[in-house]
N, C-alpha and C. Protein backbone atom coordinates (compact mmCIF):
# COMPACT_ATOMS: atom_id res chain seq x y z
N UNK A 1 -96.44 7.74 36.55
CA UNK A 1 -95.07 8.07 36.20
C UNK A 1 -94.19 6.87 36.54
N UNK A 2 -93.28 6.55 35.64
CA UNK A 2 -92.41 5.39 35.84
C UNK A 2 -91.37 5.68 36.94
N UNK A 3 -90.79 4.60 37.47
CA UNK A 3 -89.78 4.74 38.50
C UNK A 3 -88.58 5.53 37.97
N UNK A 4 -88.24 5.31 36.71
CA UNK A 4 -87.11 6.05 36.12
C UNK A 4 -87.42 7.55 36.09
N UNK A 5 -88.62 7.92 35.69
CA UNK A 5 -89.01 9.33 35.66
C UNK A 5 -89.08 9.91 37.08
N UNK A 6 -89.59 9.13 38.02
CA UNK A 6 -89.65 9.58 39.40
C UNK A 6 -88.25 9.82 39.95
N UNK A 7 -87.33 8.91 39.62
CA UNK A 7 -85.94 9.05 40.05
C UNK A 7 -85.34 10.34 39.51
N UNK A 8 -85.56 10.59 38.23
CA UNK A 8 -85.04 11.82 37.61
C UNK A 8 -85.62 13.05 38.30
N UNK A 9 -86.89 13.02 38.60
CA UNK A 9 -87.54 14.16 39.26
C UNK A 9 -87.00 14.37 40.67
N UNK A 10 -86.80 13.28 41.41
CA UNK A 10 -86.27 13.39 42.77
C UNK A 10 -84.86 13.97 42.73
N UNK A 11 -84.00 13.43 41.89
CA UNK A 11 -82.62 13.91 41.79
C UNK A 11 -82.61 15.37 41.36
N UNK A 12 -83.42 15.71 40.38
CA UNK A 12 -83.49 17.10 39.90
C UNK A 12 -83.90 18.05 41.02
N UNK A 13 -84.90 17.67 41.79
CA UNK A 13 -85.38 18.53 42.88
C UNK A 13 -84.42 18.60 44.05
N UNK A 14 -83.76 17.50 44.37
CA UNK A 14 -82.75 17.52 45.44
C UNK A 14 -81.62 18.46 45.04
N UNK A 15 -81.17 18.39 43.79
CA UNK A 15 -80.11 19.29 43.31
C UNK A 15 -80.57 20.74 43.36
N UNK A 16 -81.80 20.99 42.94
CA UNK A 16 -82.34 22.34 42.93
C UNK A 16 -82.42 22.91 44.35
N UNK A 17 -82.92 22.13 45.28
CA UNK A 17 -83.01 22.56 46.68
C UNK A 17 -81.61 22.82 47.24
N UNK A 18 -80.70 21.90 46.97
CA UNK A 18 -79.32 22.06 47.44
C UNK A 18 -78.71 23.34 46.88
N UNK A 19 -78.93 23.60 45.61
CA UNK A 19 -78.40 24.82 44.98
C UNK A 19 -79.01 26.07 45.60
N UNK A 20 -80.31 26.04 45.88
CA UNK A 20 -80.97 27.19 46.49
C UNK A 20 -80.41 27.47 47.88
N UNK A 21 -80.18 26.43 48.65
CA UNK A 21 -79.59 26.59 49.99
C UNK A 21 -78.17 27.13 49.86
N UNK A 22 -77.43 26.61 48.90
CA UNK A 22 -76.06 27.08 48.67
C UNK A 22 -76.06 28.58 48.30
N UNK A 23 -76.95 28.98 47.43
CA UNK A 23 -77.04 30.39 47.03
C UNK A 23 -77.47 31.27 48.20
N UNK A 24 -78.34 30.75 49.05
CA UNK A 24 -78.75 31.49 50.24
C UNK A 24 -77.56 31.68 51.18
N UNK A 25 -76.72 30.66 51.30
CA UNK A 25 -75.52 30.78 52.13
C UNK A 25 -74.62 31.89 51.59
N UNK A 26 -74.47 31.94 50.27
CA UNK A 26 -73.66 33.01 49.66
C UNK A 26 -74.26 34.38 49.98
N UNK A 27 -75.56 34.49 49.84
CA UNK A 27 -76.24 35.77 50.12
C UNK A 27 -76.01 36.22 51.56
N UNK A 28 -76.15 35.30 52.48
CA UNK A 28 -75.97 35.63 53.90
C UNK A 28 -74.50 35.98 54.18
N UNK A 29 -73.58 35.24 53.58
CA UNK A 29 -72.15 35.53 53.76
C UNK A 29 -71.83 36.94 53.28
N UNK A 30 -72.40 37.33 52.16
CA UNK A 30 -72.16 38.68 51.64
C UNK A 30 -72.73 39.74 52.58
N UNK A 31 -73.81 39.43 53.26
CA UNK A 31 -74.38 40.35 54.26
C UNK A 31 -73.41 40.54 55.45
N UNK A 32 -72.53 39.58 55.63
CA UNK A 32 -71.52 39.66 56.70
C UNK A 32 -70.19 40.20 56.16
N UNK A 33 -70.27 40.85 55.01
CA UNK A 33 -69.09 41.45 54.36
C UNK A 33 -67.99 40.44 54.04
N UNK A 34 -68.40 39.25 53.63
CA UNK A 34 -67.44 38.24 53.19
C UNK A 34 -67.52 38.12 51.67
N UNK A 35 -66.37 38.05 51.02
CA UNK A 35 -66.38 37.72 49.61
C UNK A 35 -66.67 36.22 49.50
N UNK A 36 -67.04 35.77 48.32
CA UNK A 36 -67.30 34.34 48.15
C UNK A 36 -66.03 33.53 48.39
N UNK A 37 -64.88 34.06 47.96
CA UNK A 37 -63.61 33.35 48.21
C UNK A 37 -63.34 33.24 49.71
N UNK A 38 -63.59 34.32 50.45
CA UNK A 38 -63.39 34.28 51.89
C UNK A 38 -64.34 33.28 52.54
N UNK A 39 -65.58 33.31 52.11
CA UNK A 39 -66.58 32.39 52.65
C UNK A 39 -66.18 30.94 52.39
N UNK A 40 -65.76 30.64 51.16
CA UNK A 40 -65.36 29.27 50.84
C UNK A 40 -64.11 28.86 51.61
N UNK A 41 -63.24 29.82 51.91
CA UNK A 41 -62.07 29.51 52.73
C UNK A 41 -62.50 29.13 54.14
N UNK A 42 -63.46 29.86 54.69
CA UNK A 42 -63.98 29.53 56.03
C UNK A 42 -64.62 28.14 56.03
N UNK A 43 -65.38 27.85 55.00
CA UNK A 43 -66.01 26.52 54.89
C UNK A 43 -64.94 25.44 54.84
N UNK A 44 -63.92 25.66 54.03
CA UNK A 44 -62.81 24.70 53.92
C UNK A 44 -62.19 24.46 55.29
N UNK A 45 -61.88 25.54 56.01
CA UNK A 45 -61.26 25.39 57.33
C UNK A 45 -62.19 24.71 58.33
N UNK A 46 -63.48 24.93 58.18
CA UNK A 46 -64.47 24.31 59.07
C UNK A 46 -64.60 22.81 58.83
N UNK A 47 -64.28 22.38 57.62
CA UNK A 47 -64.52 20.98 57.24
C UNK A 47 -63.30 20.08 57.32
N UNK A 48 -62.16 20.60 57.79
CA UNK A 48 -60.97 19.76 57.88
C UNK A 48 -60.65 19.48 59.34
N UNK A 49 -59.93 18.39 59.56
CA UNK A 49 -59.65 17.96 60.94
C UNK A 49 -58.59 18.78 61.64
N UNK A 50 -57.49 19.08 60.94
CA UNK A 50 -56.41 19.81 61.60
C UNK A 50 -56.05 21.04 60.77
N UNK A 51 -55.63 22.10 61.43
CA UNK A 51 -55.32 23.35 60.74
C UNK A 51 -54.20 23.17 59.70
N UNK A 52 -54.44 23.63 58.48
CA UNK A 52 -53.44 23.50 57.41
C UNK A 52 -52.46 24.67 57.39
N UNK A 53 -51.39 24.50 56.65
CA UNK A 53 -50.48 25.61 56.37
C UNK A 53 -51.04 26.38 55.18
N UNK A 54 -50.50 27.55 54.93
CA UNK A 54 -50.90 28.32 53.74
C UNK A 54 -50.62 27.50 52.48
N UNK A 55 -49.47 26.84 52.45
CA UNK A 55 -49.10 26.01 51.30
C UNK A 55 -50.09 24.87 51.05
N UNK A 56 -50.49 24.22 52.14
CA UNK A 56 -51.48 23.13 52.00
C UNK A 56 -52.81 23.67 51.50
N UNK A 57 -53.20 24.83 52.01
CA UNK A 57 -54.44 25.45 51.55
C UNK A 57 -54.35 25.80 50.08
N UNK A 58 -53.23 26.38 49.67
CA UNK A 58 -53.03 26.78 48.28
C UNK A 58 -53.13 25.57 47.35
N UNK A 59 -52.54 24.47 47.76
CA UNK A 59 -52.60 23.25 46.96
C UNK A 59 -54.03 22.74 46.86
N UNK A 60 -54.73 22.70 47.99
CA UNK A 60 -56.10 22.18 48.01
C UNK A 60 -57.07 23.08 47.23
N UNK A 61 -56.93 24.38 47.40
CA UNK A 61 -57.85 25.33 46.77
C UNK A 61 -57.40 25.67 45.34
N UNK A 62 -56.19 25.26 45.00
CA UNK A 62 -55.60 25.50 43.67
C UNK A 62 -55.45 26.99 43.37
N UNK A 63 -54.87 27.68 44.33
CA UNK A 63 -54.54 29.10 44.18
C UNK A 63 -53.10 29.31 44.59
N UNK A 64 -52.53 30.42 44.18
CA UNK A 64 -51.15 30.74 44.56
C UNK A 64 -51.07 30.99 46.06
N UNK A 65 -49.92 30.68 46.65
CA UNK A 65 -49.74 30.87 48.09
C UNK A 65 -49.95 32.32 48.51
N UNK A 66 -49.45 33.26 47.69
CA UNK A 66 -49.62 34.67 48.08
C UNK A 66 -51.09 35.08 48.07
N UNK A 67 -51.88 34.50 47.17
CA UNK A 67 -53.32 34.78 47.12
C UNK A 67 -53.99 34.28 48.40
N UNK A 68 -53.65 33.07 48.80
CA UNK A 68 -54.22 32.49 50.02
C UNK A 68 -53.75 33.27 51.24
N UNK A 69 -52.50 33.65 51.26
CA UNK A 69 -51.96 34.41 52.38
C UNK A 69 -52.69 35.75 52.53
N UNK A 70 -52.94 36.43 51.43
CA UNK A 70 -53.68 37.69 51.47
C UNK A 70 -55.11 37.47 51.97
N UNK A 71 -55.73 36.40 51.49
CA UNK A 71 -57.10 36.08 51.91
C UNK A 71 -57.13 35.81 53.41
N UNK A 72 -56.17 35.05 53.89
CA UNK A 72 -56.09 34.73 55.32
C UNK A 72 -55.88 36.01 56.12
N UNK A 73 -55.03 36.90 55.62
CA UNK A 73 -54.80 38.18 56.32
C UNK A 73 -56.09 38.97 56.45
N UNK A 74 -56.90 39.02 55.41
CA UNK A 74 -58.18 39.73 55.46
C UNK A 74 -59.13 39.09 56.48
N UNK A 75 -59.12 37.76 56.51
CA UNK A 75 -59.97 37.06 57.47
C UNK A 75 -59.46 37.24 58.90
N UNK A 76 -58.14 37.36 59.05
CA UNK A 76 -57.57 37.64 60.37
C UNK A 76 -58.02 39.02 60.85
N UNK A 77 -58.05 39.99 59.94
CA UNK A 77 -58.48 41.34 60.29
C UNK A 77 -59.92 41.33 60.80
N UNK A 78 -60.72 40.40 60.32
CA UNK A 78 -62.12 40.27 60.74
C UNK A 78 -62.25 39.37 61.96
N UNK A 79 -61.12 38.88 62.47
CA UNK A 79 -61.08 37.98 63.63
C UNK A 79 -61.83 36.67 63.39
N UNK A 80 -61.78 36.19 62.14
CA UNK A 80 -62.45 34.94 61.80
C UNK A 80 -61.50 33.76 61.72
N UNK A 81 -60.21 34.05 61.50
CA UNK A 81 -59.18 33.01 61.49
C UNK A 81 -57.96 33.53 62.25
N UNK A 82 -57.10 32.60 62.59
CA UNK A 82 -55.84 32.98 63.24
C UNK A 82 -54.73 32.08 62.72
N UNK A 83 -53.54 32.63 62.70
CA UNK A 83 -52.35 31.84 62.35
C UNK A 83 -51.76 31.37 63.67
N UNK A 84 -51.52 30.08 63.74
CA UNK A 84 -50.95 29.51 64.96
C UNK A 84 -49.66 28.77 64.61
N UNK A 85 -48.71 28.84 65.50
CA UNK A 85 -47.43 28.16 65.27
C UNK A 85 -47.62 26.65 65.40
N UNK A 86 -46.96 25.93 64.53
CA UNK A 86 -47.00 24.47 64.56
C UNK A 86 -46.35 23.98 65.86
N UNK A 87 -46.95 22.99 66.48
CA UNK A 87 -46.44 22.46 67.75
C UNK A 87 -45.07 21.81 67.60
N UNK A 88 -44.81 21.23 66.42
CA UNK A 88 -43.58 20.48 66.23
C UNK A 88 -42.48 21.28 65.51
N UNK A 89 -42.88 22.32 64.80
CA UNK A 89 -41.91 23.13 64.05
C UNK A 89 -42.36 24.58 64.10
N UNK A 90 -41.74 25.37 64.95
CA UNK A 90 -42.15 26.75 65.19
C UNK A 90 -42.01 27.63 63.94
N UNK A 91 -41.30 27.16 62.91
CA UNK A 91 -41.16 27.94 61.68
C UNK A 91 -42.43 27.89 60.84
N UNK A 92 -43.28 26.91 61.12
CA UNK A 92 -44.49 26.70 60.33
C UNK A 92 -45.69 27.32 61.03
N UNK A 93 -46.49 28.06 60.25
CA UNK A 93 -47.75 28.62 60.77
C UNK A 93 -48.90 27.85 60.15
N UNK A 94 -49.89 27.62 60.95
CA UNK A 94 -51.10 26.95 60.49
C UNK A 94 -52.26 27.92 60.62
N UNK A 95 -53.32 27.67 59.87
CA UNK A 95 -54.48 28.56 59.87
C UNK A 95 -55.67 27.83 60.47
N UNK A 96 -56.29 28.47 61.46
CA UNK A 96 -57.44 27.86 62.13
C UNK A 96 -58.55 28.89 62.28
N UNK A 97 -59.77 28.39 62.29
CA UNK A 97 -60.91 29.27 62.57
C UNK A 97 -60.84 29.73 64.02
N UNK A 98 -61.22 30.96 64.25
CA UNK A 98 -61.39 31.44 65.62
C UNK A 98 -62.79 31.02 66.08
N UNK A 99 -63.07 31.25 67.33
CA UNK A 99 -64.42 30.96 67.85
C UNK A 99 -65.44 31.78 67.05
N UNK A 100 -65.12 33.05 66.79
CA UNK A 100 -66.02 33.91 66.02
C UNK A 100 -66.25 33.35 64.61
N UNK A 101 -65.19 32.82 63.98
CA UNK A 101 -65.31 32.23 62.65
C UNK A 101 -66.19 30.99 62.64
N UNK A 102 -65.99 30.14 63.64
CA UNK A 102 -66.80 28.92 63.77
C UNK A 102 -68.27 29.27 64.00
N UNK A 103 -68.51 30.24 64.87
CA UNK A 103 -69.88 30.67 65.16
C UNK A 103 -70.54 31.28 63.92
N UNK A 104 -69.77 32.04 63.14
CA UNK A 104 -70.33 32.65 61.93
C UNK A 104 -70.73 31.59 60.92
N UNK A 105 -69.87 30.61 60.69
CA UNK A 105 -70.20 29.53 59.75
C UNK A 105 -71.44 28.77 60.24
N UNK A 106 -71.50 28.47 61.52
CA UNK A 106 -72.68 27.78 62.07
C UNK A 106 -73.94 28.60 61.88
N UNK A 107 -73.85 29.89 62.12
CA UNK A 107 -75.00 30.77 61.97
C UNK A 107 -75.46 30.84 60.51
N UNK A 108 -74.52 30.98 59.59
CA UNK A 108 -74.87 31.03 58.17
C UNK A 108 -75.52 29.73 57.73
N UNK A 109 -74.94 28.61 58.15
CA UNK A 109 -75.51 27.30 57.79
C UNK A 109 -76.92 27.14 58.34
N UNK A 110 -77.14 27.59 59.57
CA UNK A 110 -78.46 27.48 60.19
C UNK A 110 -79.46 28.36 59.44
N UNK A 111 -79.07 29.62 59.19
CA UNK A 111 -79.97 30.55 58.51
C UNK A 111 -80.32 30.07 57.10
N UNK A 112 -79.33 29.59 56.38
CA UNK A 112 -79.55 29.18 55.00
C UNK A 112 -80.21 27.82 54.91
N UNK A 113 -80.07 27.02 55.94
CA UNK A 113 -80.69 25.70 55.94
C UNK A 113 -82.01 25.73 56.65
N UNK A 114 -81.95 25.65 57.96
CA UNK A 114 -83.17 25.51 58.76
C UNK A 114 -84.16 26.66 58.57
N UNK A 115 -83.71 27.89 58.74
CA UNK A 115 -84.65 29.02 58.66
C UNK A 115 -85.22 29.18 57.25
N UNK A 116 -84.37 29.09 56.25
CA UNK A 116 -84.77 29.25 54.85
C UNK A 116 -85.80 28.19 54.45
N UNK A 117 -85.51 26.94 54.80
CA UNK A 117 -86.41 25.84 54.45
C UNK A 117 -87.69 25.92 55.28
N UNK A 118 -87.59 26.25 56.58
CA UNK A 118 -88.78 26.36 57.42
C UNK A 118 -89.75 27.40 56.86
N UNK A 119 -89.22 28.52 56.40
CA UNK A 119 -90.08 29.56 55.82
C UNK A 119 -90.82 29.04 54.59
N UNK A 120 -90.18 28.18 53.82
CA UNK A 120 -90.83 27.59 52.65
C UNK A 120 -91.86 26.55 53.07
N UNK A 121 -91.55 25.78 54.11
CA UNK A 121 -92.46 24.71 54.55
C UNK A 121 -93.75 25.26 55.16
N UNK A 122 -93.71 26.48 55.66
CA UNK A 122 -94.91 27.10 56.23
C UNK A 122 -96.04 27.15 55.21
N UNK A 123 -95.67 27.25 53.94
CA UNK A 123 -96.66 27.37 52.86
C UNK A 123 -97.18 26.04 52.35
N UNK A 124 -96.73 24.94 52.96
CA UNK A 124 -97.14 23.61 52.52
C UNK A 124 -97.94 22.96 53.65
N UNK A 125 -99.01 22.25 53.29
CA UNK A 125 -99.85 21.67 54.35
C UNK A 125 -99.07 20.63 55.16
N UNK A 126 -99.48 20.49 56.42
CA UNK A 126 -98.77 19.68 57.40
C UNK A 126 -98.61 18.22 56.96
N UNK A 127 -99.64 17.64 56.39
CA UNK A 127 -99.58 16.23 55.97
C UNK A 127 -98.55 16.04 54.86
N UNK A 128 -98.47 16.98 53.94
CA UNK A 128 -97.49 16.90 52.86
C UNK A 128 -96.08 16.98 53.43
N UNK A 129 -95.88 17.86 54.41
CA UNK A 129 -94.56 17.99 55.04
C UNK A 129 -94.20 16.69 55.77
N UNK A 130 -95.15 16.11 56.49
CA UNK A 130 -94.90 14.84 57.19
C UNK A 130 -94.53 13.75 56.19
N UNK A 131 -95.25 13.68 55.07
CA UNK A 131 -94.94 12.69 54.04
C UNK A 131 -93.56 12.92 53.43
N UNK A 132 -93.21 14.19 53.25
CA UNK A 132 -91.91 14.54 52.70
C UNK A 132 -90.79 14.08 53.65
N UNK A 133 -90.96 14.37 54.92
CA UNK A 133 -89.96 13.96 55.92
C UNK A 133 -89.82 12.44 55.91
N UNK A 134 -90.93 11.75 55.95
CA UNK A 134 -90.91 10.29 55.94
C UNK A 134 -90.24 9.76 54.67
N UNK A 135 -90.63 10.29 53.53
CA UNK A 135 -90.07 9.84 52.26
C UNK A 135 -88.57 10.08 52.17
N UNK A 136 -88.13 11.24 52.62
CA UNK A 136 -86.69 11.54 52.59
C UNK A 136 -85.91 10.66 53.55
N UNK A 137 -86.50 10.37 54.71
CA UNK A 137 -85.84 9.46 55.66
C UNK A 137 -85.69 8.07 55.04
N UNK A 138 -86.74 7.59 54.39
CA UNK A 138 -86.70 6.28 53.76
C UNK A 138 -85.68 6.24 52.63
N UNK A 139 -85.62 7.31 51.83
CA UNK A 139 -84.65 7.38 50.75
C UNK A 139 -83.24 7.37 51.32
N UNK A 140 -83.00 8.15 52.38
CA UNK A 140 -81.67 8.20 53.00
C UNK A 140 -81.26 6.82 53.51
N UNK A 141 -82.20 6.11 54.14
CA UNK A 141 -81.92 4.77 54.64
C UNK A 141 -81.58 3.81 53.49
N UNK A 142 -82.34 3.92 52.41
CA UNK A 142 -82.11 3.03 51.26
C UNK A 142 -80.78 3.32 50.56
N UNK A 143 -80.37 4.57 50.57
CA UNK A 143 -79.11 4.96 49.94
C UNK A 143 -77.91 4.58 50.80
N UNK A 144 -78.14 4.38 52.08
CA UNK A 144 -77.05 4.10 53.02
C UNK A 144 -76.73 2.61 53.04
N UNK A 145 -76.57 2.03 51.86
CA UNK A 145 -76.25 0.61 51.74
C UNK A 145 -74.74 0.47 51.85
N UNK A 146 -74.32 -0.43 52.72
CA UNK A 146 -72.87 -0.58 52.95
C UNK A 146 -72.37 -1.88 52.42
């Protein structure tokens, strides 16, 4: 098989695996009584440095402010997020994950990543898994060109 064909196969399989993990995360989130919109809101909050306002979230997620506000209220009811007053302007509320929200996202990521993939790797012989790990490490190093 040519390098071009191998490249296409690698990219295709990486996308497929990534999609499967993503779908598993959705499945697990739904088991925790989260809608996909709520789950994606938690992911968004988990991936930003400082707590945003409802307006900032609405702009980023491209939804109306009242939609985001309602979503945040539902997540507050589940004790997954909290509204906190801005340190510099008490009129402004920011939205942050609670400890429970952070732990839930970590748990979902672990279950959908490590546990899901480990269960699949059990069915593959050890040498193939070792070669896969080595190959992926080498690919990651080669892609990390600065």
